[in-house]
Structure formats: C-alpha cells, structure tokens
C-alpha cells in the first residue's frame, strides 16, 4: 500500500462533489476564505498600538465612607475556650 496516486485523489474529489454538490462546495470555500480574511484583519488590528485612556478609579469607591475597625467599643475579641494540653 504505497501513497495515493492521482486516480485516488480524482475519485475522492468526484465523491466530495457528488456528496456536497457544486453550490455547497463553492459556498463552503467562500466561507473559509472570509474566515481567513477576518482572522488576518483581527491579527493586524491587534498588532496596532492602542491608546487606552488612563485608568480612573471607580466612582463608588470614592463615595464610600471609611470603615471603622470597631464601631462598638464594648465589643471584645472572642475568648479561646479550647482545653490546654
């Protein structure tokens, strides 16, 4: 079983055309070409340097009041009630 000869490829090509039809096959190739073009366009746009706006802090963080670590002076830390060994 050597490589495929030209006759094998011709038979495969005829079967593909019979299964998919001339219209579907050309539509498929057109879609593949459009996909390749959009991929190349996306890659070229990605290479161009973008000028992003300087990041600004979120407005809701500026509007919040500072957090008091212990608003109730009567609160005490929890006591350790584990038995000592």
C-alpha atoms as a PDB file:
ATOM      1  CA  UNK A   1       0.000   0.000   0.000  1.00  0.00           C
ATOM      2  CA  UNK A   2       2.015   2.906  -1.265  1.00  0.00           C
ATOM      3  CA  UNK A   3       0.956   6.519  -1.413  1.00  0.00           C
ATOM      4  CA  UNK A   4      -2.205   7.692  -3.036  1.00  0.00           C
ATOM      5  CA  UNK A   5      -1.966   8.140  -6.795  1.00  0.00           C
ATOM      6  CA  UNK A   6      -3.645  10.826  -8.878  1.00  0.00           C
ATOM      7  CA  UNK A   7      -6.505   8.412  -9.627  1.00  0.00           C
ATOM      8  CA  UNK A   8      -7.266   8.020  -5.929  1.00  0.00           C
ATOM      9  CA  UNK A   9      -7.413  11.796  -5.483  1.00  0.00           C
ATOM     10  CA  UNK A  10      -9.674  12.164  -8.536  1.00  0.00           C
ATOM     11  CA  UNK A  11     -12.111   9.568  -7.163  1.00  0.00           C
ATOM     12  CA  UNK A  12     -12.122  11.304  -3.771  1.00  0.00           C
ATOM     13  CA  UNK A  13     -12.715  14.664  -5.460  1.00  0.00           C
ATOM     14  CA  UNK A  14     -15.636  13.311  -7.509  1.00  0.00           C
ATOM     15  CA  UNK A  15     -17.191  11.761  -4.390  1.00  0.00           C
ATOM     16  CA  UNK A  16     -16.876  15.044  -2.499  1.00  0.00           C
ATOM     17  CA  UNK A  17     -18.513  16.951  -5.342  1.00  0.00           C
ATOM     18  CA  UNK A  18     -21.323  14.373  -5.533  1.00  0.00           C
ATOM     19  CA  UNK A  19     -21.958  14.487  -1.793  1.00  0.00           C
ATOM     20  CA  UNK A  20     -21.771  18.228  -1.294  1.00  0.00           C
ATOM     21  CA  UNK A  21     -22.742  19.470  -4.737  1.00  0.00           C
ATOM     22  CA  UNK A  22     -21.096  22.238  -6.691  1.00  0.00           C
ATOM     23  CA  UNK A  23     -23.013  25.040  -4.945  1.00  0.00           C
ATOM     24  CA  UNK A  24     -22.378  23.860  -1.411  1.00  0.00           C
ATOM     25  CA  UNK A  25     -18.708  23.240  -2.085  1.00  0.00           C
ATOM     26  CA  UNK A  26     -18.164  26.722  -3.528  1.00  0.00           C
ATOM     27  CA  UNK A  27     -20.153  28.265  -0.656  1.00  0.00           C
ATOM     28  CA  UNK A  28     -18.004  26.365   1.838  1.00  0.00           C
ATOM     29  CA  UNK A  29     -14.797  27.582   0.187  1.00  0.00           C
ATOM     30  CA  UNK A  30     -16.147  31.156   0.179  1.00  0.00           C
ATOM     31  CA  UNK A  31     -16.899  30.916   3.893  1.00  0.00           C
ATOM     32  CA  UNK A  32     -13.403  29.580   4.565  1.00  0.00           C
ATOM     33  CA  UNK A  33     -11.903  32.482   2.610  1.00  0.00           C
ATOM     34  CA  UNK A  34     -13.996  35.016   4.568  1.00  0.00           C
ATOM     35  CA  UNK A  35     -12.886  33.429   7.825  1.00  0.00           C
ATOM     36  CA  UNK A  36      -9.233  33.638   6.848  1.00  0.00           C
ATOM     37  CA  UNK A  37      -9.625  37.294   5.825  1.00  0.00           C
ATOM     38  CA  UNK A  38     -11.336  38.239   9.091  1.00  0.00           C
ATOM     39  CA  UNK A  39      -8.664  36.354  11.049  1.00  0.00           C
ATOM     40  CA  UNK A  40      -5.898  38.269   9.270  1.00  0.00           C
ATOM     41  CA  UNK A  41      -7.735  41.549   9.829  1.00  0.00           C
ATOM     42  CA  UNK A  42      -8.104  40.772  13.527  1.00  0.00           C
ATOM     43  CA  UNK A  43      -4.418  39.924  13.831  1.00  0.00           C
ATOM     44  CA  UNK A  44      -3.382  43.172  12.117  1.00  0.00           C
ATOM     45  CA  UNK A  45      -5.686  45.221  14.369  1.00  0.00           C
ATOM     46  CA  UNK A  46      -4.203  43.528  17.418  1.00  0.00           C
ATOM     47  CA  UNK A  47      -0.673  44.495  16.343  1.00  0.00           C
ATOM     48  CA  UNK A  48      -1.533  48.188  16.104  1.00  0.00           C
ATOM     49  CA  UNK A  49      -0.751  50.028  19.347  1.00  0.00           C
ATOM     50  CA  UNK A  50      -3.885  51.100  21.125  1.00  0.00           C
ATOM     51  CA  UNK A  51      -4.007  54.352  23.050  1.00  0.00           C
ATOM     52  CA  UNK A  52      -6.024  53.433  26.119  1.00  0.00           C
ATOM     53  CA  UNK A  53      -7.423  56.151  28.303  1.00  0.00           C
ATOM     54  CA  UNK A  54      -5.740  56.466  31.689  1.00  0.00           C
ATOM     55  CA  UNK A  55      -7.497  54.284  34.245  1.00  0.00           C
ATOM     56  CA  UNK A  56      -9.810  56.126  36.579  1.00  0.00           C
ATOM     57  CA  UNK A  57     -10.886  54.829  39.983  1.00  0.00           C
ATOM     58  CA  UNK A  58     -14.420  53.572  40.308  1.00  0.00           C
ATOM     59  CA  UNK A  59     -16.770  56.343  41.455  1.00  0.00           C
ATOM     60  CA  UNK A  60     -18.477  54.173  44.058  1.00  0.00           C
ATOM     61  CA  UNK A  61     -15.175  53.654  45.869  1.00  0.00           C
ATOM     62  CA  UNK A  62     -14.748  57.404  46.194  1.00  0.00           C
ATOM     63  CA  UNK A  63     -18.260  57.814  47.631  1.00  0.00           C
ATOM     64  CA  UNK A  64     -17.920  55.216  50.396  1.00  0.00           C
ATOM     65  CA  UNK A  65     -17.196  56.247  53.953  1.00  0.00           C
ATOM     66  CA  UNK A  66     -14.018  54.915  55.548  1.00  0.00           C
ATOM     67  CA  UNK A  67     -14.589  51.741  57.526  1.00  0.00           C
ATOM     68  CA  UNK A  68     -14.250  51.977  61.297  1.00  0.00           C
ATOM     69  CA  UNK A  69     -12.496  48.816  62.514  1.00  0.00           C
ATOM     70  CA  UNK A  70     -14.620  48.560  65.675  1.00  0.00           C
ATOM     71  CA  UNK A  71     -17.774  50.692  65.703  1.00  0.00           C
ATOM     72  CA  UNK A  72     -18.890  49.363  69.136  1.00  0.00           C
ATOM     73  CA  UNK A  73     -16.326  49.997  71.892  1.00  0.00           C
ATOM     74  CA  UNK A  74     -17.982  47.329  74.100  1.00  0.00           C
ATOM     75  CA  UNK A  75     -17.088  44.524  71.676  1.00  0.00           C
ATOM     76  CA  UNK A  76     -14.220  42.318  72.811  1.00  0.00           C
ATOM     77  CA  UNK A  77     -12.286  39.645  70.932  1.00  0.00           C
ATOM     78  CA  UNK A  78     -13.595  36.127  71.316  1.00  0.00           C
ATOM     79  CA  UNK A  79     -12.035  34.171  74.177  1.00  0.00           C
ATOM     80  CA  UNK A  80     -10.190  30.931  73.437  1.00  0.00           C
ATOM     81  CA  UNK A  81     -12.115  28.159  75.204  1.00  0.00           C
ATOM     82  CA  UNK A  82     -10.135  25.189  73.871  1.00  0.00           C
ATOM     83  CA  UNK A  83      -8.691  22.901  76.524  1.00  0.00           C
ATOM     84  CA  UNK A  84      -4.958  23.295  77.050  1.00  0.00           C
ATOM     85  CA  UNK A  85      -2.863  20.146  76.784  1.00  0.00           C
END
